[in-house]
């Protein structure tokens, strides 16, 4: 078994496959999206949108209380650990009109969705390109095998190339790239959902207060 697994690893063939797939993904999506796609691997396992949503809801209760007691201009005094919520509270406190906050929220969420989609599309491109390049390697291996029919010693390496490239294409597409793309899509959907909920509730708080959002003097929130 160990011997078979050892034969499945060919560094040069794997490196050539990865280089070809990387070039295809680069041409289809661009360098910025490619970098964003690999950066998205960091929070892939650690991200917890449900936990972030619950923390945001708890912070919104404090923001609502501050808005009622001290005015909208003091809502940015509520301390939160989430960057989006902190930015939203600061924007709410400094906008002069509710419409300005709603416009900012819509644009911010749209830009975030676009960034998420660009990272996910890179992994979808990899999932699409891997089997195609694997088949190309298979064809190259078969050509080499038929060209060397008069020399039996050349048949083994050519056949190995033909099979390994197909194997690498299947593994990269179905065990790596496609699951990563699906996970990123799920995280994006759940993250954008709670952030939209935050934006909508903040806008509702602003409309309820029905006063211009003016910067007030700095006050400490207990």
N, C-alpha and C. Protein backbone atom coordinates (compact mmCIF):
# COMPACT_ATOMS: atom_id res chain seq x y z
N UNK A 1 0.83 -1.21 0.00
CA UNK A 1 0.00 0.00 0.00
C UNK A 1 0.86 1.26 0.00
N UNK A 2 1.91 1.24 0.87
CA UNK A 2 2.80 2.39 0.94
C UNK A 2 3.52 2.59 -0.38
N UNK A 3 3.90 1.47 -1.00
CA UNK A 3 4.59 1.56 -2.28
C UNK A 3 3.71 2.16 -3.36
N UNK A 4 2.44 1.79 -3.35
CA UNK A 4 1.51 2.34 -4.34
C UNK A 4 1.34 3.84 -4.13
N UNK A 5 1.18 4.24 -2.86
CA UNK A 5 1.02 5.67 -2.57
C UNK A 5 2.26 6.46 -2.97
N UNK A 6 3.43 5.84 -2.81
CA UNK A 6 4.67 6.51 -3.20
C UNK A 6 4.70 6.76 -4.70
N UNK A 7 4.17 5.82 -5.48
CA UNK A 7 4.15 6.00 -6.93
C UNK A 7 3.16 7.08 -7.36
N UNK A 8 2.20 7.41 -6.50
CA UNK A 8 1.22 8.43 -6.85
C UNK A 8 1.77 9.85 -6.74
N UNK A 9 2.93 9.99 -6.12
CA UNK A 9 3.50 11.32 -5.93
C UNK A 9 4.68 11.51 -6.87
N UNK A 10 4.47 12.36 -7.85
CA UNK A 10 5.53 12.72 -8.80
C UNK A 10 5.67 14.24 -8.74
N UNK A 11 6.70 14.74 -8.06
CA UNK A 11 6.81 16.19 -7.85
C UNK A 11 6.79 17.00 -9.14
N UNK A 12 7.49 16.55 -10.16
CA UNK A 12 7.55 17.33 -11.40
C UNK A 12 6.19 17.39 -12.09
N UNK A 13 5.50 16.24 -12.14
CA UNK A 13 4.18 16.22 -12.77
C UNK A 13 3.19 17.08 -12.00
N UNK A 14 3.23 16.96 -10.67
CA UNK A 14 2.32 17.75 -9.84
C UNK A 14 2.63 19.24 -9.98
N UNK A 15 3.92 19.59 -10.01
CA UNK A 15 4.30 20.99 -10.14
C UNK A 15 3.84 21.55 -11.49
N UNK A 16 3.99 20.75 -12.55
CA UNK A 16 3.54 21.20 -13.86
C UNK A 16 2.03 21.39 -13.89
N UNK A 17 1.29 20.49 -13.24
CA UNK A 17 -0.16 20.62 -13.16
C UNK A 17 -0.56 21.89 -12.41
N UNK A 18 0.06 22.12 -11.27
CA UNK A 18 -0.27 23.29 -10.46
C UNK A 18 0.07 24.58 -11.20
N UNK A 19 1.19 24.58 -11.92
CA UNK A 19 1.57 25.77 -12.67
C UNK A 19 0.57 26.06 -13.78
N UNK A 20 0.16 25.01 -14.49
CA UNK A 20 -0.82 25.20 -15.56
C UNK A 20 -2.16 25.69 -15.02
N UNK A 21 -2.60 25.11 -13.93
CA UNK A 21 -3.87 25.52 -13.32
C UNK A 21 -3.77 26.97 -12.84
N UNK A 22 -2.64 27.32 -12.24
CA UNK A 22 -2.45 28.69 -11.76
C UNK A 22 -2.49 29.70 -12.90
N UNK A 23 -1.88 29.35 -14.03
CA UNK A 23 -1.89 30.25 -15.18
C UNK A 23 -3.31 30.46 -15.70
N UNK A 24 -4.08 29.37 -15.79
CA UNK A 24 -5.46 29.48 -16.26
C UNK A 24 -6.27 30.36 -15.31
N UNK A 25 -6.14 30.12 -14.00
CA UNK A 25 -6.88 30.92 -13.01
C UNK A 25 -6.47 32.38 -13.07
N UNK A 26 -5.18 32.63 -13.30
CA UNK A 26 -4.69 34.01 -13.39
C UNK A 26 -5.29 34.72 -14.60
N UNK A 27 -5.30 34.06 -15.75
CA UNK A 27 -5.84 34.67 -16.96
C UNK A 27 -7.34 34.92 -16.83
N UNK A 28 -8.05 34.03 -16.16
CA UNK A 28 -9.50 34.17 -16.06
C UNK A 28 -9.93 35.20 -15.02
N UNK A 29 -9.16 35.37 -13.96
CA UNK A 29 -9.61 36.20 -12.84
C UNK A 29 -8.72 37.38 -12.52
N UNK A 30 -7.47 37.36 -12.91
CA UNK A 30 -6.57 38.46 -12.59
C UNK A 30 -5.78 38.21 -11.32
N UNK A 31 -4.68 38.93 -11.19
CA UNK A 31 -3.79 38.72 -10.05
C UNK A 31 -4.40 39.11 -8.73
N UNK A 32 -5.17 40.19 -8.68
CA UNK A 32 -5.77 40.63 -7.42
C UNK A 32 -6.75 39.59 -6.89
N UNK A 33 -7.59 39.07 -7.77
CA UNK A 33 -8.54 38.05 -7.34
C UNK A 33 -7.83 36.78 -6.90
N UNK A 34 -6.73 36.44 -7.58
CA UNK A 34 -5.97 35.24 -7.20
C UNK A 34 -5.39 35.39 -5.80
N UNK A 35 -4.83 36.56 -5.51
CA UNK A 35 -4.32 36.79 -4.16
C UNK A 35 -5.42 36.77 -3.12
N UNK A 36 -6.58 37.34 -3.47
CA UNK A 36 -7.71 37.34 -2.55
C UNK A 36 -8.20 35.91 -2.28
N UNK A 37 -8.16 35.07 -3.30
CA UNK A 37 -8.63 33.69 -3.14
C UNK A 37 -7.76 32.92 -2.16
N UNK A 38 -6.45 33.10 -2.23
CA UNK A 38 -5.57 32.39 -1.30
C UNK A 38 -5.61 33.02 0.08
N UNK A 39 -5.84 34.33 0.15
CA UNK A 39 -5.99 34.97 1.46
C UNK A 39 -7.25 34.48 2.16
N UNK A 40 -8.26 34.10 1.39
CA UNK A 40 -9.52 33.62 1.97
C UNK A 40 -9.36 32.26 2.63
N UNK A 41 -8.24 31.58 2.39
CA UNK A 41 -8.04 30.28 3.02
C UNK A 41 -7.82 30.40 4.53
N UNK A 42 -7.31 31.55 4.97
CA UNK A 42 -7.01 31.73 6.40
C UNK A 42 -8.25 31.59 7.27
N UNK A 43 -9.35 32.31 6.97
CA UNK A 43 -10.54 32.17 7.82
C UNK A 43 -11.46 31.03 7.39
N UNK A 44 -11.01 30.18 6.47
CA UNK A 44 -11.89 29.16 5.92
C UNK A 44 -12.44 28.24 6.99
N UNK A 45 -11.61 27.84 7.94
CA UNK A 45 -12.03 26.92 9.00
C UNK A 45 -12.39 27.65 10.29
N UNK A 46 -11.80 28.82 10.50
CA UNK A 46 -12.01 29.52 11.77
C UNK A 46 -13.23 30.45 11.76
N UNK A 47 -13.70 30.85 10.58
CA UNK A 47 -14.83 31.79 10.52
C UNK A 47 -16.09 31.16 11.09
N UNK A 48 -16.85 31.97 11.84
CA UNK A 48 -18.09 31.50 12.46
C UNK A 48 -19.14 32.61 12.34
N UNK A 49 -19.83 32.67 11.20
CA UNK A 49 -20.82 33.73 11.00
C UNK A 49 -21.93 33.74 12.05
N UNK A 50 -22.32 32.58 12.56
CA UNK A 50 -23.38 32.52 13.57
C UNK A 50 -22.93 33.21 14.86
N UNK A 51 -21.68 32.99 15.24
CA UNK A 51 -21.15 33.65 16.44
C UNK A 51 -21.05 35.15 16.23
N UNK A 52 -20.58 35.56 15.05
CA UNK A 52 -20.51 36.99 14.74
C UNK A 52 -21.89 37.63 14.74
N UNK A 53 -22.88 36.91 14.21
CA UNK A 53 -24.25 37.44 14.19
C UNK A 53 -24.79 37.65 15.60
N UNK A 54 -24.57 36.68 16.48
CA UNK A 54 -25.07 36.80 17.85
C UNK A 54 -24.39 37.95 18.58
N UNK A 55 -23.07 38.11 18.35
CA UNK A 55 -22.35 39.22 18.97
C UNK A 55 -22.85 40.56 18.44
N UNK A 56 -23.16 40.60 17.13
CA UNK A 56 -23.67 41.84 16.53
C UNK A 56 -25.04 42.19 17.09
N UNK A 57 -25.88 41.21 17.30
CA UNK A 57 -27.21 41.47 17.85
C UNK A 57 -27.11 42.01 19.27
N UNK A 58 -26.18 41.47 20.05
CA UNK A 58 -26.00 41.96 21.41
C UNK A 58 -25.50 43.40 21.39
N UNK A 59 -24.58 43.71 20.47
CA UNK A 59 -24.07 45.08 20.37
C UNK A 59 -25.16 46.04 19.88
N UNK A 60 -26.04 45.56 19.01
CA UNK A 60 -27.12 46.42 18.53
C UNK A 60 -28.07 46.83 19.64
N UNK A 61 -28.27 45.96 20.61
CA UNK A 61 -29.11 46.33 21.75
C UNK A 61 -28.49 47.50 22.51
N UNK A 62 -27.17 47.47 22.67
CA UNK A 62 -26.49 48.58 23.36
C UNK A 62 -26.55 49.86 22.51
N UNK A 63 -26.37 49.70 21.20
CA UNK A 63 -26.44 50.87 20.31
C UNK A 63 -27.83 51.48 20.37
N UNK A 64 -28.86 50.65 20.41
CA UNK A 64 -30.24 51.14 20.50
C UNK A 64 -30.45 51.90 21.79
N UNK A 65 -29.93 51.37 22.89
CA UNK A 65 -30.07 52.05 24.18
C UNK A 65 -29.35 53.38 24.19
N UNK A 66 -28.16 53.41 23.63
CA UNK A 66 -27.40 54.66 23.57
C UNK A 66 -28.13 55.68 22.72
N UNK A 67 -28.70 55.25 21.60
CA UNK A 67 -29.43 56.16 20.73
C UNK A 67 -30.62 56.78 21.44
N UNK A 68 -31.30 56.01 22.25
CA UNK A 68 -32.46 56.53 22.97
C UNK A 68 -32.06 57.47 24.10
N UNK A 69 -30.98 57.15 24.79
CA UNK A 69 -30.60 57.94 25.97
C UNK A 69 -29.74 59.16 25.62
N UNK A 70 -28.86 59.01 24.63
CA UNK A 70 -27.88 60.07 24.39
C UNK A 70 -27.86 60.57 22.95
N UNK A 71 -28.64 59.96 22.10
CA UNK A 71 -28.70 60.43 20.72
C UNK A 71 -27.86 59.58 19.78
N UNK A 72 -28.18 59.70 18.51
CA UNK A 72 -27.50 58.90 17.50
C UNK A 72 -26.02 59.23 17.37
N UNK A 73 -25.65 60.46 17.64
CA UNK A 73 -24.26 60.87 17.49
C UNK A 73 -23.34 60.18 18.47
N UNK A 74 -23.89 59.54 19.48
CA UNK A 74 -23.07 58.84 20.48
C UNK A 74 -23.03 57.33 20.26
N UNK A 75 -23.67 56.84 19.21
CA UNK A 75 -23.71 55.40 19.01
C UNK A 75 -22.34 54.80 18.71
N UNK A 76 -21.40 55.60 18.20
CA UNK A 76 -20.08 55.06 17.92
C UNK A 76 -19.25 54.85 19.17
N UNK A 77 -19.79 55.23 20.33
CA UNK A 77 -19.07 55.00 21.58
C UNK A 77 -19.21 53.55 22.06
N UNK A 78 -20.14 52.81 21.46
CA UNK A 78 -20.30 51.39 21.83
C UNK A 78 -19.13 50.62 21.23
N UNK A 79 -18.42 49.90 22.10
CA UNK A 79 -17.25 49.16 21.67
C UNK A 79 -17.66 47.77 21.16
N UNK A 80 -17.17 47.43 19.99
CA UNK A 80 -17.44 46.12 19.40
C UNK A 80 -16.15 45.54 18.84
N UNK A 81 -16.10 44.22 18.76
CA UNK A 81 -14.90 43.55 18.25
C UNK A 81 -14.96 43.36 16.74
N UNK A 82 -16.14 43.47 16.17
CA UNK A 82 -16.28 43.22 14.73
C UNK A 82 -16.01 44.50 13.94
N UNK A 83 -15.10 44.46 12.96
CA UNK A 83 -14.76 45.68 12.21
C UNK A 83 -15.95 46.27 11.46
N UNK A 84 -16.79 45.43 10.87
CA UNK A 84 -17.93 45.96 10.12
C UNK A 84 -18.89 46.68 11.05
N UNK A 85 -19.18 46.10 12.19
CA UNK A 85 -20.11 46.72 13.13
C UNK A 85 -19.54 48.03 13.67
N UNK A 86 -18.26 48.04 13.95
CA UNK A 86 -17.62 49.27 14.42
C UNK A 86 -17.70 50.37 13.36
N UNK A 87 -17.44 49.99 12.12
CA UNK A 87 -17.50 50.96 11.03
C UNK A 87 -18.92 51.46 10.82
N UNK A 88 -19.90 50.55 10.91
CA UNK A 88 -21.29 50.94 10.73
C UNK A 88 -21.74 51.90 11.82
N UNK A 89 -21.36 51.62 13.07
CA UNK A 89 -21.74 52.49 14.18
C UNK A 89 -21.11 53.87 14.03
N UNK A 90 -19.87 53.91 13.55
CA UNK A 90 -19.20 55.20 13.35
C UNK A 90 -19.87 55.99 12.22
N UNK A 91 -20.24 55.27 11.17
CA UNK A 91 -20.90 55.94 10.05
C UNK A 91 -22.27 56.46 10.46
N UNK A 92 -22.98 55.68 11.26
CA UNK A 92 -24.30 56.11 11.74
C UNK A 92 -24.20 57.38 12.57
N UNK A 93 -23.16 57.44 13.40
CA UNK A 93 -23.00 58.59 14.28
C UNK A 93 -22.60 59.85 13.54
N UNK A 94 -21.95 59.70 12.38
CA UNK A 94 -21.41 60.88 11.70
C UNK A 94 -22.19 61.30 10.46
N UNK A 95 -23.16 60.50 10.02
CA UNK A 95 -23.97 60.90 8.87
C UNK A 95 -24.99 61.95 9.28
N UNK A 96 -25.25 62.89 8.40
CA UNK A 96 -26.22 63.93 8.69
C UNK A 96 -27.64 63.50 8.36
N UNK A 97 -27.78 62.52 7.45
CA UNK A 97 -29.10 62.04 7.06
C UNK A 97 -29.12 60.52 7.05
N UNK A 98 -30.29 59.97 7.34
CA UNK A 98 -30.44 58.52 7.34
C UNK A 98 -30.18 57.95 5.95
N UNK A 99 -30.57 58.69 4.91
CA UNK A 99 -30.36 58.21 3.54
C UNK A 99 -28.88 57.99 3.25
N UNK A 100 -28.03 58.83 3.83
CA UNK A 100 -26.60 58.69 3.60
C UNK A 100 -26.08 57.38 4.20
N UNK A 101 -26.58 57.05 5.38
CA UNK A 101 -26.16 55.78 5.99
C UNK A 101 -26.65 54.60 5.17
N UNK A 102 -27.89 54.66 4.72
CA UNK A 102 -28.45 53.55 3.94
C UNK A 102 -27.68 53.36 2.63
N UNK A 103 -27.29 54.47 2.01
CA UNK A 103 -26.52 54.39 0.78
C UNK A 103 -25.15 53.78 1.05
N UNK A 104 -24.51 54.22 2.14
CA UNK A 104 -23.21 53.66 2.50
C UNK A 104 -23.32 52.15 2.75
N UNK A 105 -24.34 51.74 3.49
CA UNK A 105 -24.51 50.32 3.81
C UNK A 105 -24.72 49.49 2.54
N UNK A 106 -25.55 49.98 1.64
CA UNK A 106 -25.81 49.25 0.40
C UNK A 106 -24.55 49.10 -0.44
N UNK A 107 -23.79 50.19 -0.55
CA UNK A 107 -22.56 50.14 -1.34
C UNK A 107 -21.51 49.23 -0.69
N UNK A 108 -21.40 49.32 0.63
CA UNK A 108 -20.42 48.51 1.34
C UNK A 108 -20.72 47.02 1.21
N UNK A 109 -21.98 46.65 1.37
CA UNK A 109 -22.36 45.24 1.26
C UNK A 109 -22.22 44.74 -0.18
N UNK A 110 -22.53 45.60 -1.15
CA UNK A 110 -22.37 45.20 -2.55
C UNK A 110 -20.90 44.98 -2.88
N UNK A 111 -20.03 45.88 -2.40
CA UNK A 111 -18.59 45.72 -2.64
C UNK A 111 -18.06 44.45 -1.96
N UNK A 112 -18.55 44.19 -0.75
CA UNK A 112 -18.11 43.00 -0.03
C UNK A 112 -18.55 41.73 -0.76
N UNK A 113 -19.78 41.74 -1.26
CA UNK A 113 -20.27 40.58 -2.00
C UNK A 113 -19.45 40.36 -3.27
N UNK A 114 -19.06 41.44 -3.91
CA UNK A 114 -18.25 41.33 -5.13
C UNK A 114 -16.88 40.75 -4.82
N UNK A 115 -16.27 41.18 -3.71
CA UNK A 115 -14.97 40.64 -3.32
C UNK A 115 -15.08 39.15 -2.99
N UNK A 116 -16.13 38.78 -2.27
CA UNK A 116 -16.34 37.37 -1.95
C UNK A 116 -16.50 36.55 -3.23
N UNK A 117 -17.27 37.08 -4.17
CA UNK A 117 -17.51 36.36 -5.41
C UNK A 117 -16.24 36.19 -6.22
N UNK A 118 -15.39 37.21 -6.22
CA UNK A 118 -14.15 37.11 -6.99
C UNK A 118 -13.23 36.04 -6.43
N UNK A 119 -13.15 35.93 -5.10
CA UNK A 119 -12.34 34.89 -4.48
C UNK A 119 -12.92 33.51 -4.76
N UNK A 120 -14.24 33.40 -4.67
CA UNK A 120 -14.88 32.11 -4.93
C UNK A 120 -14.72 31.70 -6.40
N UNK A 121 -14.79 32.66 -7.30
CA UNK A 121 -14.67 32.34 -8.72
C UNK A 121 -13.30 31.80 -9.08
N UNK A 122 -12.28 32.22 -8.35
CA UNK A 122 -10.93 31.67 -8.60
C UNK A 122 -10.92 30.17 -8.34
N UNK A 123 -11.52 29.77 -7.22
CA UNK A 123 -11.54 28.34 -6.89
C UNK A 123 -12.44 27.56 -7.85
N UNK A 124 -13.49 28.19 -8.33
CA UNK A 124 -14.31 27.54 -9.35
C UNK A 124 -13.53 27.38 -10.65
N UNK A 125 -12.71 28.37 -10.99
CA UNK A 125 -11.86 28.27 -12.18
C UNK A 125 -10.87 27.13 -12.04
N UNK A 126 -10.30 27.00 -10.84
CA UNK A 126 -9.35 25.91 -10.59
C UNK A 126 -10.05 24.56 -10.72
N UNK A 127 -11.27 24.48 -10.16
CA UNK A 127 -12.03 23.23 -10.25
C UNK A 127 -12.35 22.87 -11.70
N UNK A 128 -12.58 23.87 -12.53
CA UNK A 128 -12.87 23.62 -13.94
C UNK A 128 -11.61 23.28 -14.73
N UNK A 129 -10.51 23.94 -14.41
CA UNK A 129 -9.28 23.78 -15.19
C UNK A 129 -8.55 22.49 -14.88
N UNK A 130 -8.62 22.02 -13.64
CA UNK A 130 -7.83 20.86 -13.23
C UNK A 130 -8.15 19.61 -14.06
N UNK A 131 -9.42 19.22 -14.22
CA UNK A 131 -9.69 18.03 -15.03
C UNK A 131 -9.27 18.20 -16.49
N UNK A 132 -9.45 19.42 -17.03
CA UNK A 132 -9.07 19.66 -18.43
C UNK A 132 -7.56 19.51 -18.62
N UNK A 133 -6.78 20.07 -17.69
CA UNK A 133 -5.34 19.93 -17.80
C UNK A 133 -4.90 18.50 -17.52
N UNK A 134 -5.64 17.82 -16.64
CA UNK A 134 -5.35 16.41 -16.42
C UNK A 134 -5.57 15.60 -17.68
N UNK A 135 -6.63 15.89 -18.40
CA UNK A 135 -6.88 15.19 -19.67
C UNK A 135 -5.81 15.53 -20.70
N UNK A 136 -5.36 16.78 -20.71
CA UNK A 136 -4.28 17.15 -21.63
C UNK A 136 -3.02 16.37 -21.33
N UNK A 137 -2.71 16.21 -20.03
CA UNK A 137 -1.56 15.41 -19.66
C UNK A 137 -1.73 13.95 -20.04
N UNK A 138 -2.95 13.47 -19.94
CA UNK A 138 -3.22 12.09 -20.35
C UNK A 138 -2.96 11.91 -21.85
N UNK A 139 -3.40 12.87 -22.63
CA UNK A 139 -3.17 12.79 -24.08
C UNK A 139 -1.68 12.82 -24.39
N UNK A 140 -0.96 13.71 -23.69
CA UNK A 140 0.49 13.79 -23.91
C UNK A 140 1.15 12.46 -23.57
N UNK A 141 0.73 11.86 -22.44
CA UNK A 141 1.29 10.57 -22.05
C UNK A 141 1.00 9.48 -23.06
N UNK A 142 -0.22 9.46 -23.59
CA UNK A 142 -0.58 8.45 -24.57
C UNK A 142 0.20 8.63 -25.87
N UNK A 143 0.38 9.90 -26.27
CA UNK A 143 1.18 10.16 -27.47
C UNK A 143 2.60 9.65 -27.28
N UNK A 144 3.17 9.94 -26.09
CA UNK A 144 4.52 9.44 -25.82
C UNK A 144 4.58 7.93 -25.79
N UNK A 145 3.53 7.31 -25.27
CA UNK A 145 3.50 5.85 -25.20
C UNK A 145 3.45 5.24 -26.59
N UNK A 146 2.58 5.76 -27.45
CA UNK A 146 2.48 5.21 -28.81
C UNK A 146 3.72 5.52 -29.64
N UNK A 147 4.34 6.66 -29.36
CA UNK A 147 5.55 7.00 -30.11
C UNK A 147 6.72 6.11 -29.72
N UNK A 148 6.66 5.55 -28.52
CA UNK A 148 7.77 4.70 -28.06
C UNK A 148 7.41 3.24 -28.01
N UNK A 149 6.52 2.80 -28.85
CA UNK A 149 6.10 1.40 -28.84
C UNK A 149 7.24 0.44 -29.13
N UNK A 150 8.24 0.91 -29.90
CA UNK A 150 9.35 0.03 -30.23
C UNK A 150 10.33 -0.12 -29.08
N UNK A 151 10.19 0.69 -28.03
CA UNK A 151 11.07 0.60 -26.86
C UNK A 151 10.20 0.38 -25.62
N UNK A 152 10.10 -0.83 -25.12
CA UNK A 152 9.24 -1.12 -23.96
C UNK A 152 9.60 -0.30 -22.71
N UNK A 153 10.85 0.12 -22.61
CA UNK A 153 11.28 0.87 -21.43
C UNK A 153 10.62 2.25 -21.36
N UNK A 154 10.16 2.74 -22.51
CA UNK A 154 9.53 4.07 -22.53
C UNK A 154 8.03 4.03 -22.26
N UNK A 155 7.46 2.83 -22.27
CA UNK A 155 6.02 2.74 -22.11
C UNK A 155 5.59 3.07 -20.68
N UNK A 156 6.36 2.60 -19.70
CA UNK A 156 5.99 2.82 -18.30
C UNK A 156 5.90 4.28 -17.91
N UNK A 157 6.94 5.08 -18.14
CA UNK A 157 6.86 6.51 -17.79
C UNK A 157 5.75 7.25 -18.51
N UNK A 158 5.53 6.93 -19.78
CA UNK A 158 4.46 7.61 -20.52
C UNK A 158 3.09 7.24 -19.98
N UNK A 159 2.90 5.97 -19.67
CA UNK A 159 1.62 5.55 -19.09
C UNK A 159 1.43 6.16 -17.71
N UNK A 160 2.50 6.24 -16.92
CA UNK A 160 2.41 6.86 -15.60
C UNK A 160 1.99 8.32 -15.72
N UNK A 161 2.58 9.04 -16.68
CA UNK A 161 2.21 10.43 -16.90
C UNK A 161 0.74 10.55 -17.26
N UNK A 162 0.28 9.67 -18.14
CA UNK A 162 -1.12 9.72 -18.59
C UNK A 162 -2.07 9.52 -17.42
N UNK A 163 -1.75 8.59 -16.53
CA UNK A 163 -2.65 8.29 -15.42
C UNK A 163 -2.52 9.31 -14.28
N UNK A 164 -1.30 9.74 -14.00
CA UNK A 164 -1.09 10.66 -12.87
C UNK A 164 -1.74 12.01 -13.12
N UNK A 165 -1.65 12.52 -14.34
CA UNK A 165 -2.25 13.83 -14.60
C UNK A 165 -3.77 13.78 -14.44
N UNK A 166 -4.38 12.68 -14.88
CA UNK A 166 -5.82 12.53 -14.67
C UNK A 166 -6.14 12.45 -13.18
N UNK A 167 -5.34 11.69 -12.45
CA UNK A 167 -5.53 11.55 -11.01
C UNK A 167 -5.40 12.90 -10.30
N UNK A 168 -4.35 13.65 -10.63
CA UNK A 168 -4.14 14.96 -10.00
C UNK A 168 -5.28 15.91 -10.34
N UNK A 169 -5.75 15.86 -11.58
CA UNK A 169 -6.86 16.74 -11.97
C UNK A 169 -8.11 16.45 -11.17
N UNK A 170 -8.42 15.17 -10.98
CA UNK A 170 -9.61 14.80 -10.21
C UNK A 170 -9.47 15.22 -8.75
N UNK A 171 -8.30 14.97 -8.17
CA UNK A 171 -8.09 15.31 -6.76
C UNK A 171 -8.16 16.81 -6.54
N UNK A 172 -7.46 17.57 -7.37
CA UNK A 172 -7.44 19.02 -7.20
C UNK A 172 -8.83 19.61 -7.38
N UNK A 173 -9.58 19.12 -8.36
CA UNK A 173 -10.90 19.69 -8.66
C UNK A 173 -11.93 19.31 -7.60
N UNK A 174 -12.00 18.02 -7.26
CA UNK A 174 -13.12 17.53 -6.46
C UNK A 174 -12.83 17.41 -4.96
N UNK A 175 -11.57 17.35 -4.59
CA UNK A 175 -11.23 17.22 -3.18
C UNK A 175 -10.71 18.53 -2.60
N UNK A 176 -10.21 19.41 -3.46
CA UNK A 176 -9.66 20.67 -2.97
C UNK A 176 -10.49 21.88 -3.43
N UNK A 177 -10.47 22.18 -4.72
CA UNK A 177 -11.02 23.45 -5.20
C UNK A 177 -12.53 23.54 -5.04
N UNK A 178 -13.27 22.53 -5.46
CA UNK A 178 -14.73 22.60 -5.38
C UNK A 178 -15.24 22.70 -3.94
N UNK A 179 -14.72 21.91 -2.98
CA UNK A 179 -15.16 22.09 -1.59
C UNK A 179 -14.81 23.47 -1.02
N UNK A 180 -13.64 23.99 -1.39
CA UNK A 180 -13.26 25.32 -0.91
C UNK A 180 -14.23 26.37 -1.45
N UNK A 181 -14.56 26.28 -2.74
CA UNK A 181 -15.51 27.24 -3.34
C UNK A 181 -16.87 27.15 -2.66
N UNK A 182 -17.33 25.93 -2.38
CA UNK A 182 -18.62 25.76 -1.72
C UNK A 182 -18.60 26.33 -0.30
N UNK A 183 -17.51 26.11 0.41
CA UNK A 183 -17.39 26.64 1.78
C UNK A 183 -17.37 28.17 1.77
N UNK A 184 -16.63 28.75 0.84
CA UNK A 184 -16.58 30.21 0.74
C UNK A 184 -17.94 30.79 0.39
N UNK A 185 -18.68 30.11 -0.48
CA UNK A 185 -20.02 30.59 -0.84
C UNK A 185 -20.94 30.57 0.38
N UNK A 186 -20.86 29.53 1.18
CA UNK A 186 -21.71 29.43 2.37
C UNK A 186 -21.34 30.50 3.39
N UNK A 187 -20.04 30.69 3.64
CA UNK A 187 -19.60 31.71 4.58
C UNK A 187 -20.02 33.10 4.12
N UNK A 188 -19.87 33.37 2.83
CA UNK A 188 -20.23 34.68 2.29
C UNK A 188 -21.72 34.94 2.47
N UNK A 189 -22.54 33.97 2.14
CA UNK A 189 -23.99 34.15 2.24
C UNK A 189 -24.41 34.44 3.69
N UNK A 190 -23.87 33.69 4.63
CA UNK A 190 -24.27 33.88 6.03
C UNK A 190 -23.69 35.18 6.60
N UNK A 191 -22.48 35.54 6.19
CA UNK A 191 -21.89 36.79 6.69
C UNK A 191 -22.65 38.00 6.17
N UNK A 192 -22.94 38.01 4.88
CA UNK A 192 -23.67 39.13 4.30
C UNK A 192 -25.08 39.23 4.86
N UNK A 193 -25.67 38.10 5.23
CA UNK A 193 -27.03 38.11 5.78
C UNK A 193 -27.07 38.85 7.11
N UNK A 194 -26.13 38.54 8.02
CA UNK A 194 -26.19 39.22 9.32
C UNK A 194 -25.72 40.67 9.20
N UNK A 195 -24.84 40.96 8.28
CA UNK A 195 -24.42 42.34 8.11
C UNK A 195 -25.55 43.19 7.53
N UNK A 196 -26.33 42.62 6.63
CA UNK A 196 -27.50 43.34 6.12
C UNK A 196 -28.51 43.55 7.23
N UNK A 197 -28.67 42.57 8.10
CA UNK A 197 -29.57 42.72 9.24
C UNK A 197 -29.12 43.87 10.14
N UNK A 198 -27.81 43.95 10.37
CA UNK A 198 -27.26 45.04 11.18
C UNK A 198 -27.55 46.39 10.52
N UNK A 199 -27.29 46.50 9.24
CA UNK A 199 -27.51 47.76 8.53
C UNK A 199 -28.98 48.17 8.56
N UNK A 200 -29.87 47.20 8.36
CA UNK A 200 -31.30 47.50 8.36
C UNK A 200 -31.77 47.96 9.74
N UNK A 201 -31.29 47.33 10.78
CA UNK A 201 -31.71 47.71 12.14
C UNK A 201 -31.15 49.07 12.53
N UNK A 202 -29.93 49.36 12.11
CA UNK A 202 -29.37 50.68 12.40
C UNK A 202 -30.15 51.76 11.66
N UNK A 203 -30.51 51.50 10.42
CA UNK A 203 -31.30 52.48 9.68
C UNK A 203 -32.67 52.68 10.34
N UNK A 204 -33.24 51.60 10.86
CA UNK A 204 -34.52 51.72 11.55
C UNK A 204 -34.39 52.54 12.82
N UNK A 205 -33.28 52.37 13.53
CA UNK A 205 -33.04 53.18 14.72
C UNK A 205 -32.94 54.65 14.36
N UNK A 206 -32.24 54.93 13.26
CA UNK A 206 -32.09 56.32 12.82
C UNK A 206 -33.43 56.93 12.43
N UNK A 207 -34.23 56.19 11.71
CA UNK A 207 -35.54 56.71 11.31
C UNK A 207 -36.45 56.92 12.51
N UNK A 208 -36.34 56.05 13.49
CA UNK A 208 -37.18 56.19 14.68
C UNK A 208 -36.82 57.45 15.46
N UNK A 209 -35.55 57.73 15.53
CA UNK A 209 -35.15 58.93 16.25
C UNK A 209 -35.64 60.19 15.54
N UNK A 210 -35.63 60.13 14.19
CA UNK A 210 -36.21 61.21 13.38
C UNK A 210 -35.59 62.56 13.70
N UNK A 211 -34.27 62.55 13.86
CA UNK A 211 -33.55 63.81 14.08
C UNK A 211 -32.31 63.77 13.21
N UNK A 212 -31.76 64.94 12.83
CA UNK A 212 -30.52 64.96 12.06
C UNK A 212 -29.41 64.28 12.84
N UNK A 213 -28.57 63.54 12.14
CA UNK A 213 -27.45 62.86 12.80
C UNK A 213 -26.27 63.83 12.85
N UNK A 214 -26.11 64.47 13.98
CA UNK A 214 -25.03 65.45 14.12
C UNK A 214 -24.01 64.93 15.11
N UNK A 215 -22.77 65.32 14.89
CA UNK A 215 -21.72 64.92 15.81
C UNK A 215 -21.92 65.65 17.14
N UNK A 216 -21.99 64.88 18.20
CA UNK A 216 -22.13 65.47 19.53
C UNK A 216 -20.77 65.45 20.22
N UNK A 217 -20.72 66.09 21.37
CA UNK A 217 -19.48 66.05 22.14
C UNK A 217 -19.24 64.64 22.64
N UNK A 218 -17.96 64.31 22.80
CA UNK A 218 -17.59 62.94 23.19
C UNK A 218 -18.09 62.66 24.61
N UNK A 219 -18.81 61.52 24.72
CA UNK A 219 -19.31 61.11 26.04
C UNK A 219 -18.92 59.68 26.28
N UNK A 220 -18.70 59.34 27.49
CA UNK A 220 -18.37 57.97 27.84
C UNK A 220 -19.65 57.18 28.05
N UNK A 221 -19.68 55.96 27.51
CA UNK A 221 -20.82 55.08 27.68
C UNK A 221 -20.47 54.04 28.73
N UNK A 222 -21.29 53.96 29.72
CA UNK A 222 -21.00 53.02 30.80
C UNK A 222 -21.13 51.59 30.29
